[in-house]
């Protein structure tokens, strides 16, 4: 059974990404597609790659990130320095 690339459970947005999927902006960033989720439903964001787990609280992501339009989609861009990173 294939895992969904993204899901929300108990207020936690979990997304599976490739490490190469990070943006180079702001010294490296993860983006959250605001067109695909309702931030009101989320209190924590977790990205899982092949090697690491990245975590950030929604309020911190909003405070330290910025909104940018990429390919017609509204994205919240959050610099890697604001995420907690741990090895798998």
PDB file of N, CA and C in Angstrom:
ATOM      1  N   UNK A   1       0.838  -1.187   0.000  1.00  0.00           N
ATOM      2  CA  UNK A   1       0.000   0.000   0.000  1.00  0.00           C
ATOM      3  C   UNK A   1       0.882   1.250   0.000  1.00  0.00           C
ATOM      4  N   UNK A   2       0.636   2.151  -0.914  1.00  0.00           N
ATOM      5  CA  UNK A   2       1.431   3.363  -1.054  1.00  0.00           C
ATOM      6  C   UNK A   2       0.971   4.422  -0.055  1.00  0.00           C
ATOM      7  N   UNK A   3       1.937   5.084   0.585  1.00  0.00           N
ATOM      8  CA  UNK A   3       1.619   6.165   1.515  1.00  0.00           C
ATOM      9  C   UNK A   3       1.183   7.397   0.733  1.00  0.00           C
ATOM     10  N   UNK A   4       0.229   8.132   1.307  1.00  0.00           N
ATOM     11  CA  UNK A   4      -0.152   9.407   0.726  1.00  0.00           C
ATOM     12  C   UNK A   4       1.014  10.371   0.937  1.00  0.00           C
ATOM     13  N   UNK A   5       1.248  11.242  -0.017  1.00  0.00           N
ATOM     14  CA  UNK A   5       2.351  12.186   0.085  1.00  0.00           C
ATOM     15  C   UNK A   5       2.108  13.212   1.190  1.00  0.00           C
ATOM     16  N   UNK A   6       0.844  13.478   1.511  1.00  0.00           N
ATOM     17  CA  UNK A   6       0.513  14.495   2.509  1.00  0.00           C
ATOM     18  C   UNK A   6      -0.800  14.140   3.185  1.00  0.00           C
ATOM     19  N   UNK A   7      -0.858  14.332   4.503  1.00  0.00           N
ATOM     20  CA  UNK A   7      -2.119  14.128   5.221  1.00  0.00           C
ATOM     21  C   UNK A   7      -2.110  14.932   6.515  1.00  0.00           C
ATOM     22  N   UNK A   8      -3.301  15.174   7.047  1.00  0.00           N
ATOM     23  CA  UNK A   8      -3.461  15.864   8.323  1.00  0.00           C
ATOM     24  C   UNK A   8      -4.130  14.891   9.283  1.00  0.00           C
ATOM     25  N   UNK A   9      -3.530  14.729  10.462  1.00  0.00           N
ATOM     26  CA  UNK A   9      -4.085  13.865  11.493  1.00  0.00           C
ATOM     27  C   UNK A   9      -3.873  14.539  12.845  1.00  0.00           C
ATOM     28  N   UNK A  10      -4.956  14.719  13.583  1.00  0.00           N
ATOM     29  CA  UNK A  10      -4.922  15.339  14.911  1.00  0.00           C
ATOM     30  C   UNK A  10      -4.173  16.673  14.903  1.00  0.00           C
ATOM     31  N   UNK A  11      -4.408  17.458  13.867  1.00  0.00           N
ATOM     32  CA  UNK A  11      -3.828  18.804  13.781  1.00  0.00           C
ATOM     33  C   UNK A  11      -2.391  18.860  13.313  1.00  0.00           C
ATOM     34  N   UNK A  12      -1.842  17.721  12.895  1.00  0.00           N
ATOM     35  CA  UNK A  12      -0.461  17.685  12.410  1.00  0.00           C
ATOM     36  C   UNK A  12      -0.472  17.414  10.907  1.00  0.00           C
ATOM     37  N   UNK A  13       0.088  18.362  10.144  1.00  0.00           N
ATOM     38  CA  UNK A  13       0.275  18.167   8.707  1.00  0.00           C
ATOM     39  C   UNK A  13       1.567  17.392   8.522  1.00  0.00           C
ATOM     40  N   UNK A  14       1.483  16.212   7.923  1.00  0.00           N
ATOM     41  CA  UNK A  14       2.668  15.401   7.645  1.00  0.00           C
ATOM     42  C   UNK A  14       2.805  15.281   6.138  1.00  0.00           C
ATOM     43  N   UNK A  15       4.030  15.530   5.662  1.00  0.00           N
ATOM     44  CA  UNK A  15       4.266  15.473   4.230  1.00  0.00           C
ATOM     45  C   UNK A  15       5.573  14.742   3.977  1.00  0.00           C
ATOM     46  N   UNK A  16       5.553  13.843   2.988  1.00  0.00           N
ATOM     47  CA  UNK A  16       6.750  13.115   2.576  1.00  0.00           C
ATOM     48  C   UNK A  16       7.358  13.826   1.377  1.00  0.00           C
ATOM     49  N   UNK A  17       8.640  14.158   1.481  1.00  0.00           N
ATOM     50  CA  UNK A  17       9.342  14.897   0.429  1.00  0.00           C
ATOM     51  C   UNK A  17      10.711  14.293   0.188  1.00  0.00           C
ATOM     52  N   UNK A  18      11.284  14.603  -0.950  1.00  0.00           N
ATOM     53  CA  UNK A  18      12.679  14.279  -1.210  1.00  0.00           C
ATOM     54  C   UNK A  18      13.521  15.416  -0.647  1.00  0.00           C
ATOM     55  N   UNK A  19      14.687  15.083  -0.174  1.00  0.00           N
ATOM     56  CA  UNK A  19      15.601  16.107   0.354  1.00  0.00           C
ATOM     57  C   UNK A  19      15.889  17.153  -0.728  1.00  0.00           C
ATOM     58  N   UNK A  20      15.913  16.730  -1.976  1.00  0.00           N
ATOM     59  CA  UNK A  20      16.189  17.643  -3.094  1.00  0.00           C
ATOM     60  C   UNK A  20      15.011  18.584  -3.373  1.00  0.00           C
ATOM     61  N   UNK A  21      13.868  18.373  -2.707  1.00  0.00           N
ATOM     62  CA  UNK A  21      12.690  19.202  -2.923  1.00  0.00           C
ATOM     63  C   UNK A  21      12.730  20.544  -2.213  1.00  0.00           C
ATOM     64  N   UNK A  22      13.762  20.765  -1.404  1.00  0.00           N
ATOM     65  CA  UNK A  22      13.882  22.043  -0.704  1.00  0.00           C
ATOM     66  C   UNK A  22      14.194  23.159  -1.706  1.00  0.00           C
ATOM     67  N   UNK A  23      13.704  24.342  -1.413  1.00  0.00           N
ATOM     68  CA  UNK A  23      14.058  25.507  -2.225  1.00  0.00           C
ATOM     69  C   UNK A  23      15.432  26.015  -1.816  1.00  0.00           C
ATOM     70  N   UNK A  24      16.089  26.681  -2.710  1.00  0.00           N
ATOM     71  CA  UNK A  24      17.383  27.292  -2.386  1.00  0.00           C
ATOM     72  C   UNK A  24      17.225  28.684  -1.794  1.00  0.00           C
ATOM     73  N   UNK A  25      16.013  29.222  -1.831  1.00  0.00           N
ATOM     74  CA  UNK A  25      15.760  30.568  -1.307  1.00  0.00           C
ATOM     75  C   UNK A  25      16.053  30.633   0.182  1.00  0.00           C
ATOM     76  N   UNK A  26      16.493  31.781   0.651  1.00  0.00           N
ATOM     77  CA  UNK A  26      16.721  32.045   2.075  1.00  0.00           C
ATOM     78  C   UNK A  26      17.684  31.036   2.694  1.00  0.00           C
ATOM     79  N   UNK A  27      18.648  30.571   1.915  1.00  0.00           N
ATOM     80  CA  UNK A  27      19.608  29.604   2.429  1.00  0.00           C
ATOM     81  C   UNK A  27      19.050  28.200   2.539  1.00  0.00           C
ATOM     82  N   UNK A  28      17.933  27.954   1.916  1.00  0.00           N
ATOM     83  CA  UNK A  28      17.244  26.663   1.965  1.00  0.00           C
ATOM     84  C   UNK A  28      15.926  26.819   2.686  1.00  0.00           C
ATOM     85  N   UNK A  29      14.860  26.326   2.096  1.00  0.00           N
ATOM     86  CA  UNK A  29      13.519  26.489   2.666  1.00  0.00           C
ATOM     87  C   UNK A  29      12.629  25.325   2.270  1.00  0.00           C
ATOM     88  N   UNK A  30      11.661  25.043   3.123  1.00  0.00           N
ATOM     89  CA  UNK A  30      10.549  24.170   2.766  1.00  0.00           C
ATOM     90  C   UNK A  30       9.354  25.072   2.480  1.00  0.00           C
ATOM     91  N   UNK A  31       8.482  24.634   1.598  1.00  0.00           N
ATOM     92  CA  UNK A  31       7.278  25.405   1.301  1.00  0.00           C
ATOM     93  C   UNK A  31       6.043  24.606   1.688  1.00  0.00           C
ATOM     94  N   UNK A  32       5.027  25.338   2.095  1.00  0.00           N
ATOM     95  CA  UNK A  32       3.738  24.748   2.444  1.00  0.00           C
ATOM     96  C   UNK A  32       2.724  25.320   1.464  1.00  0.00           C
ATOM     97  N   UNK A  33       2.069  24.458   0.718  1.00  0.00           N
ATOM     98  CA  UNK A  33       1.106  24.898  -0.281  1.00  0.00           C
ATOM     99  C   UNK A  33      -0.188  25.321   0.420  1.00  0.00           C
ATOM    100  N   UNK A  34      -0.442  26.603   0.450  1.00  0.00           N
ATOM    101  CA  UNK A  34      -1.611  27.142   1.146  1.00  0.00           C
ATOM    102  C   UNK A  34      -2.908  26.900   0.379  1.00  0.00           C
ATOM    103  N   UNK A  35      -2.809  26.528  -0.884  1.00  0.00           N
ATOM    104  CA  UNK A  35      -4.007  26.225  -1.668  1.00  0.00           C
ATOM    105  C   UNK A  35      -4.530  24.813  -1.380  1.00  0.00           C
ATOM    106  N   UNK A  36      -3.676  23.960  -0.793  1.00  0.00           N
ATOM    107  CA  UNK A  36      -4.050  22.568  -0.543  1.00  0.00           C
ATOM    108  C   UNK A  36      -4.461  22.274   0.895  1.00  0.00           C
ATOM    109  N   UNK A  37      -4.174  23.181   1.814  1.00  0.00           N
ATOM    110  CA  UNK A  37      -4.532  22.945   3.219  1.00  0.00           C
ATOM    111  C   UNK A  37      -5.179  24.190   3.811  1.00  0.00           C
ATOM    112  N   UNK A  38      -5.894  23.984   4.895  1.00  0.00           N
ATOM    113  CA  UNK A  38      -6.434  25.103   5.672  1.00  0.00           C
ATOM    114  C   UNK A  38      -5.598  25.185   6.933  1.00  0.00           C
ATOM    115  N   UNK A  39      -4.823  26.258   7.060  1.00  0.00           N
ATOM    116  CA  UNK A  39      -3.939  26.395   8.212  1.00  0.00           C
ATOM    117  C   UNK A  39      -4.685  26.362   9.540  1.00  0.00           C
ATOM    118  N   UNK A  40      -5.971  26.726   9.514  1.00  0.00           N
ATOM    119  CA  UNK A  40      -6.762  26.715  10.752  1.00  0.00           C
ATOM    120  C   UNK A  40      -6.865  25.305  11.330  1.00  0.00           C
ATOM    121  N   UNK A  41      -6.717  24.285  10.499  1.00  0.00           N
ATOM    122  CA  UNK A  41      -6.847  22.892  10.925  1.00  0.00           C
ATOM    123  C   UNK A  41      -5.539  22.306  11.449  1.00  0.00           C
ATOM    124  N   UNK A  42      -4.453  23.076  11.374  1.00  0.00           N
ATOM    125  CA  UNK A  42      -3.122  22.558  11.670  1.00  0.00           C
ATOM    126  C   UNK A  42      -2.485  23.334  12.821  1.00  0.00           C
ATOM    127  N   UNK A  43      -1.765  22.625  13.697  1.00  0.00           N
ATOM    128  CA  UNK A  43      -0.987  23.324  14.718  1.00  0.00           C
ATOM    129  C   UNK A  43       0.497  22.986  14.611  1.00  0.00           C
ATOM    130  N   UNK A  44       0.826  21.939  13.851  1.00  0.00           N
ATOM    131  CA  UNK A  44       2.213  21.521  13.682  1.00  0.00           C
ATOM    132  C   UNK A  44       2.403  20.997  12.267  1.00  0.00           C
ATOM    133  N   UNK A  45       3.614  21.187  11.724  1.00  0.00           N
ATOM    134  CA  UNK A  45       3.937  20.742  10.374  1.00  0.00           C
ATOM    135  C   UNK A  45       5.170  19.848  10.448  1.00  0.00           C
ATOM    136  N   UNK A  46       5.098  18.683   9.816  1.00  0.00           N
ATOM    137  CA  UNK A  46       6.194  17.715   9.821  1.00  0.00           C
ATOM    138  C   UNK A  46       6.478  17.304   8.381  1.00  0.00           C
ATOM    139  N   UNK A  47       7.733  17.467   7.958  1.00  0.00           N
ATOM    140  CA  UNK A  47       8.164  16.987   6.646  1.00  0.00           C
ATOM    141  C   UNK A  47       9.128  15.837   6.883  1.00  0.00           C
ATOM    142  N   UNK A  48       8.940  14.739   6.158  1.00  0.00           N
ATOM    143  CA  UNK A  48       9.772  13.561   6.315  1.00  0.00           C
ATOM    144  C   UNK A  48      10.463  13.282   4.985  1.00  0.00           C
ATOM    145  N   UNK A  49      11.807  13.187   5.029  1.00  0.00           N
ATOM    146  CA  UNK A  49      12.589  12.843   3.838  1.00  0.00           C
ATOM    147  C   UNK A  49      13.222  11.472   4.062  1.00  0.00           C
ATOM    148  N   UNK A  50      14.060  11.062   3.135  1.00  0.00           N
ATOM    149  CA  UNK A  50      14.721   9.772   3.249  1.00  0.00           C
ATOM    150  C   UNK A  50      15.631   9.711   4.480  1.00  0.00           C
ATOM    151  N   UNK A  51      16.161  10.854   4.896  1.00  0.00           N
ATOM    152  CA  UNK A  51      17.166  10.877   5.960  1.00  0.00           C
ATOM    153  C   UNK A  51      16.770  11.641   7.213  1.00  0.00           C
ATOM    154  N   UNK A  52      15.817  12.573   7.092  1.00  0.00           N
ATOM    155  CA  UNK A  52      15.524  13.473   8.205  1.00  0.00           C
ATOM    156  C   UNK A  52      14.028  13.670   8.422  1.00  0.00           C
ATOM    157  N   UNK A  53      13.713  14.143   9.623  1.00  0.00           N
ATOM    158  CA  UNK A  53      12.372  14.628   9.955  1.00  0.00           C
ATOM    159  C   UNK A  53      12.533  16.097  10.311  1.00  0.00           C
ATOM    160  N   UNK A  54      11.758  16.948   9.669  1.00  0.00           N
ATOM    161  CA  UNK A  54      11.751  18.384   9.931  1.00  0.00           C
ATOM    162  C   UNK A  54      10.418  18.726  10.587  1.00  0.00           C
ATOM    163  N   UNK A  55      10.449  19.495  11.680  1.00  0.00           N
ATOM    164  CA  UNK A  55       9.228  19.866  12.391  1.00  0.00           C
ATOM    165  C   UNK A  55       9.218  21.349  12.703  1.00  0.00           C
ATOM    166  N   UNK A  56       8.025  21.925  12.672  1.00  0.00           N
ATOM    167  CA  UNK A  56       7.843  23.318  13.048  1.00  0.00           C
ATOM    168  C   UNK A  56       6.394  23.510  13.499  1.00  0.00           C
ATOM    169  N   UNK A  57       6.201  24.346  14.476  1.00  0.00           N
ATOM    170  CA  UNK A  57       4.854  24.692  14.901  1.00  0.00           C
ATOM    171  C   UNK A  57       4.284  25.691  13.894  1.00  0.00           C
ATOM    172  N   UNK A  58       2.999  25.604  13.625  1.00  0.00           N
ATOM    173  CA  UNK A  58       2.364  26.468  12.633  1.00  0.00           C
ATOM    174  C   UNK A  58       2.596  27.940  12.939  1.00  0.00           C
ATOM    175  N   UNK A  59       2.434  28.341  14.191  1.00  0.00           N
ATOM    176  CA  UNK A  59       2.598  29.756  14.534  1.00  0.00           C
ATOM    177  C   UNK A  59       4.002  30.254  14.221  1.00  0.00           C
ATOM    178  N   UNK A  60       5.002  29.418  14.451  1.00  0.00           N
ATOM    179  CA  UNK A  60       6.382  29.781  14.134  1.00  0.00           C
ATOM    180  C   UNK A  60       6.590  29.863  12.627  1.00  0.00           C
ATOM    181  N   UNK A  61       5.984  28.943  11.882  1.00  0.00           N
ATOM    182  CA  UNK A  61       6.091  28.968  10.420  1.00  0.00           C
ATOM    183  C   UNK A  61       5.501  30.253   9.858  1.00  0.00           C
ATOM    184  N   UNK A  62       4.367  30.666  10.392  1.00  0.00           N
ATOM    185  CA  UNK A  62       3.724  31.901   9.927  1.00  0.00           C
ATOM    186  C   UNK A  62       4.565  33.120  10.309  1.00  0.00           C
ATOM    187  N   UNK A  63       5.076  33.124  11.526  1.00  0.00           N
ATOM    188  CA  UNK A  63       5.867  34.261  12.017  1.00  0.00           C
ATOM    189  C   UNK A  63       7.164  34.441  11.232  1.00  0.00           C
ATOM    190  N   UNK A  64       7.841  33.341  10.905  1.00  0.00           N
ATOM    191  CA  UNK A  64       9.163  33.425  10.294  1.00  0.00           C
ATOM    192  C   UNK A  64       9.167  33.176   8.793  1.00  0.00           C
ATOM    193  N   UNK A  65       8.035  32.758   8.248  1.00  0.00           N
ATOM    194  CA  UNK A  65       7.955  32.506   6.816  1.00  0.00           C
ATOM    195  C   UNK A  65       7.359  33.689   6.067  1.00  0.00           C
ATOM    196  N   UNK A  66       7.239  33.539   4.769  1.00  0.00           N
ATOM    197  CA  UNK A  66       6.616  34.566   3.928  1.00  0.00           C
ATOM    198  C   UNK A  66       5.879  33.877   2.790  1.00  0.00           C
ATOM    199  N   UNK A  67       4.875  34.559   2.282  1.00  0.00           N
ATOM    200  CA  UNK A  67       4.046  33.986   1.213  1.00  0.00           C
ATOM    201  C   UNK A  67       4.588  34.429  -0.143  1.00  0.00           C
ATOM    202  N   UNK A  68       4.674  33.473  -1.041  1.00  0.00           N
ATOM    203  CA  UNK A  68       5.131  33.728  -2.402  1.00  0.00           C
ATOM    204  C   UNK A  68       4.294  32.868  -3.337  1.00  0.00           C
ATOM    205  N   UNK A  69       4.044  33.363  -4.537  1.00  0.00           N
ATOM    206  CA  UNK A  69       3.297  32.600  -5.537  1.00  0.00           C
ATOM    207  C   UNK A  69       4.296  31.891  -6.450  1.00  0.00           C
ATOM    208  N   UNK A  70       4.197  30.551  -6.497  1.00  0.00           N
ATOM    209  CA  UNK A  70       5.017  29.727  -7.380  1.00  0.00           C
ATOM    210  C   UNK A  70       4.093  28.968  -8.307  1.00  0.00           C
ATOM    211  N   UNK A  71       4.295  29.140  -9.603  1.00  0.00           N
ATOM    212  CA  UNK A  71       3.496  28.428 -10.608  1.00  0.00           C
ATOM    213  C   UNK A  71       1.999  28.527 -10.320  1.00  0.00           C
ATOM    214  N   UNK A  72       1.571  29.719  -9.911  1.00  0.00           N
ATOM    215  CA  UNK A  72       0.155  29.967  -9.671  1.00  0.00           C
ATOM    216  C   UNK A  72      -0.379  29.454  -8.346  1.00  0.00           C
ATOM    217  N   UNK A  73       0.494  28.921  -7.472  1.00  0.00           N
ATOM    218  CA  UNK A  73       0.060  28.413  -6.168  1.00  0.00           C
ATOM    219  C   UNK A  73       0.626  29.283  -5.052  1.00  0.00           C
ATOM    220  N   UNK A  74      -0.199  29.545  -4.047  1.00  0.00           N
ATOM    221  CA  UNK A  74       0.233  30.319  -2.887  1.00  0.00           C
ATOM    222  C   UNK A  74       1.016  29.413  -1.950  1.00  0.00           C
ATOM    223  N   UNK A  75       2.264  29.782  -1.667  1.00  0.00           N
ATOM    224  CA  UNK A  75       3.139  28.971  -0.826  1.00  0.00           C
ATOM    225  C   UNK A  75       3.619  29.790   0.368  1.00  0.00           C
ATOM    226  N   UNK A  76       3.660  29.136   1.518  1.00  0.00           N
ATOM    227  CA  UNK A  76       4.301  29.715   2.690  1.00  0.00           C
ATOM    228  C   UNK A  76       5.728  29.177   2.680  1.00  0.00           C
ATOM    229  N   UNK A  77       6.710  30.068   2.508  1.00  0.00           N
ATOM    230  CA  UNK A  77       8.118  29.698   2.421  1.00  0.00           C
ATOM    231  C   UNK A  77       8.723  29.874   3.812  1.00  0.00           C
ATOM    232  N   UNK A  78       9.262  28.782   4.369  1.00  0.00           N
ATOM    233  CA  UNK A  78       9.814  28.819   5.727  1.00  0.00           C
ATOM    234  C   UNK A  78      11.279  28.375   5.676  1.00  0.00           C
ATOM    235  N   UNK A  79      12.209  29.271   6.040  1.00  0.00           N
ATOM    236  CA  UNK A  79      13.637  28.926   6.005  1.00  0.00           C
ATOM    237  C   UNK A  79      13.959  27.710   6.879  1.00  0.00           C
ATOM    238  N   UNK A  80      14.894  26.888   6.417  1.00  0.00           N
ATOM    239  CA  UNK A  80      15.297  25.685   7.145  1.00  0.00           C
ATOM    240  C   UNK A  80      15.802  25.991   8.553  1.00  0.00           C
ATOM    241  N   UNK A  81      16.367  27.157   8.749  1.00  0.00           N
ATOM    242  CA  UNK A  81      16.901  27.515  10.068  1.00  0.00           C
ATOM    243  C   UNK A  81      15.808  27.570  11.132  1.00  0.00           C
ATOM    244  N   UNK A  82      14.557  27.643  10.737  1.00  0.00           N
ATOM    245  CA  UNK A  82      13.436  27.717  11.674  1.00  0.00           C
ATOM    246  C   UNK A  82      12.835  26.354  11.999  1.00  0.00           C
ATOM    247  N   UNK A  83      13.237  25.325  11.283  1.00  0.00           N
ATOM    248  CA  UNK A  83      12.710  23.969  11.489  1.00  0.00           C
ATOM    249  C   UNK A  83      13.627  23.205  12.448  1.00  0.00           C
ATOM    250  N   UNK A  84      13.052  22.315  13.209  1.00  0.00           N
ATOM    251  CA  UNK A  84      13.826  21.361  14.021  1.00  0.00           C
ATOM    252  C   UNK A  84      14.088  20.163  13.127  1.00  0.00           C
ATOM    253  N   UNK A  85      15.363  19.775  13.021  1.00  0.00           N
ATOM    254  CA  UNK A  85      15.759  18.700  12.119  1.00  0.00           C
ATOM    255  C   UNK A  85      16.376  17.568  12.938  1.00  0.00           C
ATOM    256  N   UNK A  86      15.929  16.341  12.678  1.00  0.00           N
ATOM    257  CA  UNK A  86      16.542  15.180  13.339  1.00  0.00           C
ATOM    258  C   UNK A  86      16.690  14.036  12.342  1.00  0.00           C
ATOM    259  N   UNK A  87      17.702  13.233  12.553  1.00  0.00           N
ATOM    260  CA  UNK A  87      17.960  12.092  11.679  1.00  0.00           C
ATOM    261  C   UNK A  87      16.942  10.991  11.915  1.00  0.00           C
ATOM    262  N   UNK A  88      16.674  10.238  10.879  1.00  0.00           N
ATOM    263  CA  UNK A  88      15.803   9.063  10.997  1.00  0.00           C
ATOM    264  C   UNK A  88      16.594   7.878  11.526  1.00  0.00           C
TER     265      UNK A  88
END
